[in-house]
N, C-alpha and C. Protein backbone atom coordinates (compact mmCIF):
# COMPACT_ATOMS: atom_id res chain seq x y z
N MET A 1 14.84 -22.53 7.48
CA MET A 1 13.44 -22.26 7.19
C MET A 1 13.23 -22.22 5.68
N GLU A 2 12.05 -22.63 5.28
CA GLU A 2 11.75 -22.80 3.87
C GLU A 2 10.61 -21.90 3.42
N LEU A 3 10.71 -21.45 2.19
CA LEU A 3 9.67 -20.62 1.60
C LEU A 3 8.58 -21.56 1.10
N LYS A 4 7.47 -21.65 1.83
CA LYS A 4 6.39 -22.56 1.48
C LYS A 4 5.04 -21.99 1.88
N PRO A 5 3.96 -22.54 1.31
CA PRO A 5 2.63 -22.05 1.66
C PRO A 5 2.42 -22.02 3.17
N GLY A 6 1.66 -21.00 3.58
CA GLY A 6 1.38 -20.82 5.00
C GLY A 6 2.15 -19.67 5.63
N LEU A 7 3.21 -19.19 4.97
CA LEU A 7 3.95 -18.05 5.50
C LEU A 7 3.02 -16.84 5.59
N VAL A 8 3.24 -16.01 6.62
CA VAL A 8 2.36 -14.86 6.85
C VAL A 8 3.19 -13.59 6.97
N GLY A 9 2.69 -12.53 6.37
CA GLY A 9 3.25 -11.19 6.55
C GLY A 9 2.14 -10.27 7.00
N GLU A 10 2.47 -9.34 7.90
CA GLU A 10 1.47 -8.42 8.41
C GLU A 10 2.03 -7.00 8.47
N VAL A 11 1.15 -6.04 8.30
CA VAL A 11 1.48 -4.62 8.39
C VAL A 11 0.33 -3.94 9.12
N GLU A 12 0.66 -3.00 10.00
CA GLU A 12 -0.37 -2.21 10.66
C GLU A 12 -0.03 -0.74 10.50
N ILE A 13 -1.02 0.05 10.15
CA ILE A 13 -0.84 1.49 9.98
C ILE A 13 -2.00 2.23 10.64
N VAL A 14 -1.83 3.53 10.81
CA VAL A 14 -2.92 4.40 11.22
C VAL A 14 -3.18 5.33 10.04
N VAL A 15 -4.41 5.41 9.61
CA VAL A 15 -4.76 6.21 8.43
C VAL A 15 -4.49 7.68 8.71
N SER A 16 -3.69 8.28 7.83
CA SER A 16 -3.37 9.71 7.93
C SER A 16 -4.03 10.44 6.75
N PRO A 17 -4.09 11.76 6.81
CA PRO A 17 -4.68 12.52 5.70
C PRO A 17 -3.97 12.25 4.36
N GLN A 18 -2.68 11.93 4.40
CA GLN A 18 -1.93 11.66 3.16
C GLN A 18 -2.33 10.34 2.51
N MET A 19 -3.08 9.51 3.21
CA MET A 19 -3.48 8.19 2.70
C MET A 19 -4.93 8.16 2.23
N THR A 20 -5.59 9.31 2.19
CA THR A 20 -7.02 9.34 1.90
C THR A 20 -7.32 9.43 0.40
N ALA A 21 -8.58 9.18 0.11
CA ALA A 21 -9.05 9.35 -1.27
C ALA A 21 -8.86 10.78 -1.73
N THR A 22 -9.02 11.75 -0.83
CA THR A 22 -8.77 13.15 -1.17
C THR A 22 -7.34 13.32 -1.68
N ALA A 23 -6.39 12.67 -1.03
CA ALA A 23 -4.97 12.80 -1.39
C ALA A 23 -4.67 12.26 -2.79
N VAL A 24 -5.53 11.37 -3.30
CA VAL A 24 -5.30 10.83 -4.65
C VAL A 24 -6.32 11.37 -5.65
N GLY A 25 -6.96 12.51 -5.30
CA GLY A 25 -7.78 13.22 -6.28
C GLY A 25 -9.28 13.15 -6.10
N ASN A 26 -9.77 12.42 -5.11
CA ASN A 26 -11.21 12.34 -4.87
C ASN A 26 -11.56 13.32 -3.74
N GLU A 27 -11.58 14.58 -4.09
CA GLU A 27 -11.71 15.69 -3.14
C GLU A 27 -12.88 15.51 -2.17
N GLY A 28 -12.58 15.68 -0.89
CA GLY A 28 -13.59 15.64 0.15
C GLY A 28 -13.90 14.28 0.73
N VAL A 29 -13.25 13.23 0.21
CA VAL A 29 -13.50 11.87 0.69
C VAL A 29 -12.35 11.47 1.62
N GLU A 30 -12.53 11.75 2.90
CA GLU A 30 -11.46 11.60 3.89
C GLU A 30 -11.46 10.21 4.51
N VAL A 31 -11.28 9.19 3.66
CA VAL A 31 -11.16 7.80 4.10
C VAL A 31 -9.97 7.18 3.38
N LEU A 32 -9.49 6.05 3.90
CA LEU A 32 -8.37 5.34 3.28
C LEU A 32 -8.66 5.09 1.81
N SER A 33 -7.73 5.48 0.95
CA SER A 33 -7.91 5.28 -0.49
C SER A 33 -7.65 3.84 -0.87
N THR A 34 -8.26 3.41 -1.95
CA THR A 34 -8.03 2.06 -2.46
C THR A 34 -6.56 1.85 -2.85
N PRO A 35 -5.90 2.81 -3.52
CA PRO A 35 -4.48 2.59 -3.83
C PRO A 35 -3.63 2.36 -2.58
N HIS A 36 -3.92 3.08 -1.50
CA HIS A 36 -3.16 2.87 -0.27
C HIS A 36 -3.48 1.53 0.37
N LEU A 37 -4.73 1.12 0.33
CA LEU A 37 -5.10 -0.20 0.85
C LEU A 37 -4.33 -1.28 0.11
N ILE A 38 -4.29 -1.19 -1.20
CA ILE A 38 -3.57 -2.18 -2.00
C ILE A 38 -2.08 -2.16 -1.66
N ALA A 39 -1.51 -0.98 -1.50
CA ALA A 39 -0.09 -0.88 -1.15
C ALA A 39 0.21 -1.57 0.17
N PHE A 40 -0.67 -1.42 1.16
CA PHE A 40 -0.45 -2.09 2.45
C PHE A 40 -0.53 -3.60 2.30
N MET A 41 -1.44 -4.09 1.48
CA MET A 41 -1.55 -5.53 1.25
C MET A 41 -0.30 -6.06 0.55
N GLU A 42 0.20 -5.30 -0.43
CA GLU A 42 1.44 -5.69 -1.09
C GLU A 42 2.60 -5.70 -0.11
N ASP A 43 2.66 -4.71 0.76
CA ASP A 43 3.72 -4.64 1.76
C ASP A 43 3.68 -5.86 2.68
N ALA A 44 2.49 -6.29 3.08
CA ALA A 44 2.37 -7.48 3.93
C ALA A 44 2.94 -8.71 3.22
N ALA A 45 2.64 -8.85 1.91
CA ALA A 45 3.16 -9.98 1.15
C ALA A 45 4.68 -9.91 1.03
N THR A 46 5.20 -8.73 0.79
CA THR A 46 6.65 -8.54 0.69
C THR A 46 7.33 -8.93 1.99
N ARG A 47 6.74 -8.54 3.10
CA ARG A 47 7.33 -8.86 4.41
C ARG A 47 7.33 -10.36 4.67
N ALA A 48 6.34 -11.07 4.17
CA ALA A 48 6.32 -12.53 4.34
C ALA A 48 7.49 -13.18 3.61
N LEU A 49 7.81 -12.67 2.42
CA LEU A 49 8.85 -13.28 1.59
C LEU A 49 10.27 -12.87 1.95
N GLN A 50 10.45 -11.63 2.34
CA GLN A 50 11.78 -11.03 2.47
C GLN A 50 12.80 -11.89 3.22
N PRO A 51 12.47 -12.46 4.38
CA PRO A 51 13.49 -13.23 5.11
C PRO A 51 13.97 -14.48 4.39
N TYR A 52 13.24 -14.93 3.36
CA TYR A 52 13.56 -16.18 2.69
C TYR A 52 14.25 -16.01 1.34
N LEU A 53 14.38 -14.77 0.89
CA LEU A 53 14.97 -14.53 -0.43
C LEU A 53 16.49 -14.55 -0.35
N PRO A 54 17.14 -15.05 -1.41
CA PRO A 54 18.60 -15.03 -1.43
C PRO A 54 19.12 -13.60 -1.54
N ALA A 55 20.38 -13.42 -1.18
CA ALA A 55 21.02 -12.11 -1.27
C ALA A 55 20.87 -11.55 -2.68
N GLY A 56 20.55 -10.28 -2.78
CA GLY A 56 20.42 -9.61 -4.08
C GLY A 56 19.08 -9.81 -4.75
N ALA A 57 18.19 -10.60 -4.15
CA ALA A 57 16.88 -10.85 -4.75
C ALA A 57 15.84 -9.96 -4.10
N GLY A 58 14.79 -9.71 -4.83
CA GLY A 58 13.64 -8.98 -4.35
C GLY A 58 12.41 -9.53 -5.05
N THR A 59 11.28 -8.88 -4.85
CA THR A 59 10.06 -9.29 -5.55
C THR A 59 9.35 -8.06 -6.08
N VAL A 60 8.58 -8.28 -7.12
CA VAL A 60 7.73 -7.23 -7.69
C VAL A 60 6.31 -7.77 -7.81
N GLY A 61 5.34 -6.88 -7.64
CA GLY A 61 3.95 -7.28 -7.80
C GLY A 61 3.62 -7.48 -9.27
N ILE A 62 2.86 -8.55 -9.55
CA ILE A 62 2.48 -8.82 -10.94
C ILE A 62 0.96 -8.96 -11.12
N VAL A 63 0.23 -9.24 -10.03
CA VAL A 63 -1.22 -9.34 -10.10
C VAL A 63 -1.80 -8.78 -8.81
N VAL A 64 -2.84 -7.95 -8.96
CA VAL A 64 -3.58 -7.45 -7.80
C VAL A 64 -5.06 -7.59 -8.14
N ASN A 65 -5.78 -8.34 -7.32
CA ASN A 65 -7.22 -8.50 -7.49
C ASN A 65 -7.85 -8.29 -6.10
N ILE A 66 -8.21 -7.06 -5.81
CA ILE A 66 -8.62 -6.66 -4.47
C ILE A 66 -10.04 -6.09 -4.49
N LYS A 67 -10.82 -6.44 -3.49
CA LYS A 67 -12.12 -5.81 -3.25
C LYS A 67 -11.96 -4.88 -2.04
N HIS A 68 -12.31 -3.62 -2.22
CA HIS A 68 -12.30 -2.66 -1.11
C HIS A 68 -13.72 -2.68 -0.55
N LEU A 69 -13.89 -3.27 0.62
CA LEU A 69 -15.21 -3.60 1.15
C LEU A 69 -15.86 -2.53 2.02
N ALA A 70 -15.03 -1.73 2.70
CA ALA A 70 -15.60 -0.74 3.64
C ALA A 70 -14.63 0.42 3.80
N ALA A 71 -15.16 1.57 4.13
CA ALA A 71 -14.36 2.78 4.31
C ALA A 71 -13.76 2.83 5.71
N THR A 72 -12.53 3.39 5.78
CA THR A 72 -11.84 3.57 7.06
C THR A 72 -11.45 5.03 7.21
N PRO A 73 -11.92 5.69 8.27
CA PRO A 73 -11.65 7.11 8.44
C PRO A 73 -10.23 7.39 8.94
N VAL A 74 -9.81 8.63 8.78
CA VAL A 74 -8.53 9.10 9.28
C VAL A 74 -8.47 8.83 10.79
N GLY A 75 -7.30 8.37 11.24
CA GLY A 75 -7.08 8.10 12.66
C GLY A 75 -7.34 6.67 13.08
N MET A 76 -7.98 5.87 12.23
CA MET A 76 -8.27 4.48 12.58
C MET A 76 -7.13 3.58 12.10
N ARG A 77 -6.88 2.52 12.84
CA ARG A 77 -5.85 1.54 12.47
C ARG A 77 -6.37 0.60 11.39
N VAL A 78 -5.44 0.16 10.53
CA VAL A 78 -5.71 -0.87 9.53
C VAL A 78 -4.59 -1.89 9.62
N ARG A 79 -4.98 -3.16 9.66
CA ARG A 79 -4.03 -4.27 9.67
C ARG A 79 -4.19 -5.06 8.39
N ALA A 80 -3.12 -5.18 7.63
CA ALA A 80 -3.13 -5.99 6.40
C ALA A 80 -2.38 -7.28 6.67
N ARG A 81 -2.91 -8.37 6.14
CA ARG A 81 -2.32 -9.69 6.35
C ARG A 81 -2.27 -10.42 5.01
N ALA A 82 -1.12 -11.02 4.72
CA ALA A 82 -0.94 -11.79 3.50
C ALA A 82 -0.51 -13.20 3.88
N VAL A 83 -1.20 -14.19 3.34
CA VAL A 83 -0.86 -15.59 3.61
C VAL A 83 -0.48 -16.24 2.29
N LEU A 84 0.74 -16.76 2.24
CA LEU A 84 1.23 -17.40 1.02
C LEU A 84 0.42 -18.66 0.74
N ARG A 85 -0.23 -18.68 -0.41
CA ARG A 85 -1.07 -19.80 -0.81
C ARG A 85 -0.33 -20.78 -1.72
N GLU A 86 0.51 -20.22 -2.60
CA GLU A 86 1.12 -21.07 -3.64
C GLU A 86 2.50 -20.55 -3.99
N VAL A 87 3.43 -21.49 -4.20
CA VAL A 87 4.76 -21.19 -4.70
C VAL A 87 4.90 -21.95 -6.01
N ASP A 88 5.19 -21.22 -7.09
CA ASP A 88 5.37 -21.82 -8.41
C ASP A 88 6.66 -21.26 -9.00
N GLY A 89 7.78 -21.90 -8.67
CA GLY A 89 9.07 -21.38 -9.09
C GLY A 89 9.33 -20.05 -8.41
N ARG A 90 9.43 -18.98 -9.23
CA ARG A 90 9.67 -17.65 -8.68
C ARG A 90 8.39 -16.82 -8.53
N ARG A 91 7.24 -17.45 -8.72
CA ARG A 91 5.94 -16.78 -8.60
C ARG A 91 5.29 -17.18 -7.28
N PHE A 92 4.75 -16.19 -6.57
CA PHE A 92 4.16 -16.42 -5.26
C PHE A 92 2.74 -15.86 -5.24
N VAL A 93 1.78 -16.66 -4.81
CA VAL A 93 0.38 -16.25 -4.77
C VAL A 93 -0.05 -16.13 -3.31
N PHE A 94 -0.66 -14.98 -2.99
CA PHE A 94 -1.09 -14.70 -1.62
C PHE A 94 -2.59 -14.47 -1.55
N ASP A 95 -3.19 -14.92 -0.46
CA ASP A 95 -4.51 -14.47 -0.05
C ASP A 95 -4.25 -13.28 0.87
N VAL A 96 -4.90 -12.15 0.57
CA VAL A 96 -4.68 -10.95 1.37
C VAL A 96 -6.01 -10.45 1.92
N GLU A 97 -5.93 -9.84 3.09
CA GLU A 97 -7.10 -9.18 3.66
C GLU A 97 -6.65 -8.07 4.57
N ALA A 98 -7.57 -7.16 4.82
CA ALA A 98 -7.29 -6.04 5.71
C ALA A 98 -8.51 -5.78 6.59
N HIS A 99 -8.22 -5.41 7.83
CA HIS A 99 -9.27 -5.10 8.80
C HIS A 99 -8.94 -3.76 9.45
N ASP A 100 -9.96 -2.94 9.67
CA ASP A 100 -9.75 -1.78 10.52
C ASP A 100 -10.17 -2.16 11.93
N ASP A 101 -10.33 -1.19 12.81
CA ASP A 101 -10.67 -1.50 14.20
C ASP A 101 -12.05 -2.14 14.35
N LEU A 102 -12.88 -2.05 13.32
CA LEU A 102 -14.26 -2.53 13.45
C LEU A 102 -14.67 -3.64 12.50
N GLU A 103 -14.02 -3.73 11.33
CA GLU A 103 -14.51 -4.70 10.34
C GLU A 103 -13.47 -4.99 9.28
N LYS A 104 -13.77 -6.03 8.47
CA LYS A 104 -12.93 -6.33 7.31
C LYS A 104 -13.17 -5.24 6.27
N VAL A 105 -12.07 -4.66 5.76
CA VAL A 105 -12.20 -3.57 4.79
C VAL A 105 -11.69 -3.93 3.41
N GLY A 106 -10.98 -5.06 3.29
CA GLY A 106 -10.47 -5.46 1.99
C GLY A 106 -10.10 -6.92 1.98
N GLU A 107 -10.16 -7.52 0.77
CA GLU A 107 -9.76 -8.92 0.61
C GLU A 107 -9.42 -9.15 -0.85
N GLY A 108 -8.63 -10.19 -1.10
CA GLY A 108 -8.33 -10.52 -2.48
C GLY A 108 -7.13 -11.42 -2.62
N ILE A 109 -6.57 -11.37 -3.82
CA ILE A 109 -5.42 -12.18 -4.20
C ILE A 109 -4.34 -11.25 -4.73
N HIS A 110 -3.11 -11.57 -4.37
CA HIS A 110 -1.96 -10.78 -4.84
C HIS A 110 -0.85 -11.75 -5.24
N GLU A 111 -0.22 -11.49 -6.39
CA GLU A 111 0.90 -12.31 -6.84
C GLU A 111 2.14 -11.46 -6.94
N ARG A 112 3.26 -12.07 -6.57
CA ARG A 112 4.57 -11.43 -6.67
C ARG A 112 5.51 -12.35 -7.43
N PHE A 113 6.55 -11.75 -8.02
CA PHE A 113 7.53 -12.52 -8.78
C PHE A 113 8.93 -12.15 -8.29
N GLN A 114 9.74 -13.16 -8.08
CA GLN A 114 11.11 -12.94 -7.59
C GLN A 114 12.00 -12.43 -8.72
N ILE A 115 12.77 -11.40 -8.41
CA ILE A 115 13.72 -10.82 -9.37
C ILE A 115 15.11 -10.81 -8.77
N GLN A 116 16.11 -10.71 -9.64
CA GLN A 116 17.47 -10.40 -9.22
C GLN A 116 17.57 -8.89 -9.36
N THR A 117 17.65 -8.19 -8.26
CA THR A 117 17.48 -6.73 -8.24
C THR A 117 18.44 -6.01 -9.18
N ASP A 118 19.71 -6.37 -9.18
CA ASP A 118 20.67 -5.64 -10.03
C ASP A 118 20.35 -5.82 -11.52
N ARG A 119 19.99 -7.03 -11.93
CA ARG A 119 19.63 -7.27 -13.34
C ARG A 119 18.34 -6.53 -13.71
N PHE A 120 17.38 -6.53 -12.81
CA PHE A 120 16.12 -5.82 -13.03
C PHE A 120 16.36 -4.32 -13.22
N LEU A 121 17.16 -3.74 -12.33
CA LEU A 121 17.45 -2.30 -12.42
C LEU A 121 18.26 -1.96 -13.66
N ALA A 122 19.15 -2.87 -14.08
CA ALA A 122 19.92 -2.64 -15.31
C ALA A 122 18.98 -2.59 -16.53
N ARG A 123 17.99 -3.48 -16.56
CA ARG A 123 17.03 -3.46 -17.68
C ARG A 123 16.20 -2.18 -17.67
N ILE A 124 15.85 -1.70 -16.49
CA ILE A 124 15.08 -0.44 -16.40
C ILE A 124 15.94 0.73 -16.88
N ALA A 125 17.21 0.76 -16.49
CA ALA A 125 18.11 1.83 -16.93
C ALA A 125 18.24 1.81 -18.46
N GLU A 126 18.35 0.62 -19.03
CA GLU A 126 18.44 0.49 -20.48
C GLU A 126 17.16 0.99 -21.15
N LYS A 127 16.04 0.65 -20.60
CA LYS A 127 14.76 1.09 -21.15
C LYS A 127 14.64 2.61 -21.06
N THR A 128 15.10 3.19 -19.97
CA THR A 128 15.05 4.63 -19.77
C THR A 128 15.86 5.35 -20.86
N GLN A 129 17.01 4.79 -21.22
CA GLN A 129 17.87 5.40 -22.25
C GLN A 129 17.24 5.33 -23.62
N LYS A 130 16.37 4.36 -23.86
CA LYS A 130 15.75 4.18 -25.18
C LYS A 130 14.51 5.04 -25.39
N ARG A 131 14.00 5.63 -24.34
CA ARG A 131 12.74 6.37 -24.51
C ARG A 131 12.97 7.59 -25.40
N PRO A 132 11.91 7.97 -26.13
CA PRO A 132 12.01 9.12 -27.05
C PRO A 132 12.16 10.43 -26.31
């Protein structure tokens, strides 16, 4: 199997209180937060790529351009879907969207970049040692 446009990754969750806007500082707003929506879309893209990456490789998000279109209350399901649109070397561009039980709640574009995990983590460790 080949890593090419058209690959799909999907994630389904049920919104919990820990995923709400209240949980990220917007007190009293008990709906799925935008940061959590974006995380689910990123997860869907990661799942599309994972089976095709060589041993020791991973991906990191490099671009997120998401519209949060509608609120989703606690207890409702959300399905995120990422469709690979473009492969440019180690850069991958996805069309992403999310739907709750009633409507589309998010859409946009997400890009990921392939890394060699051990080298990436070594650079982070080096950076950590240099901090003041």
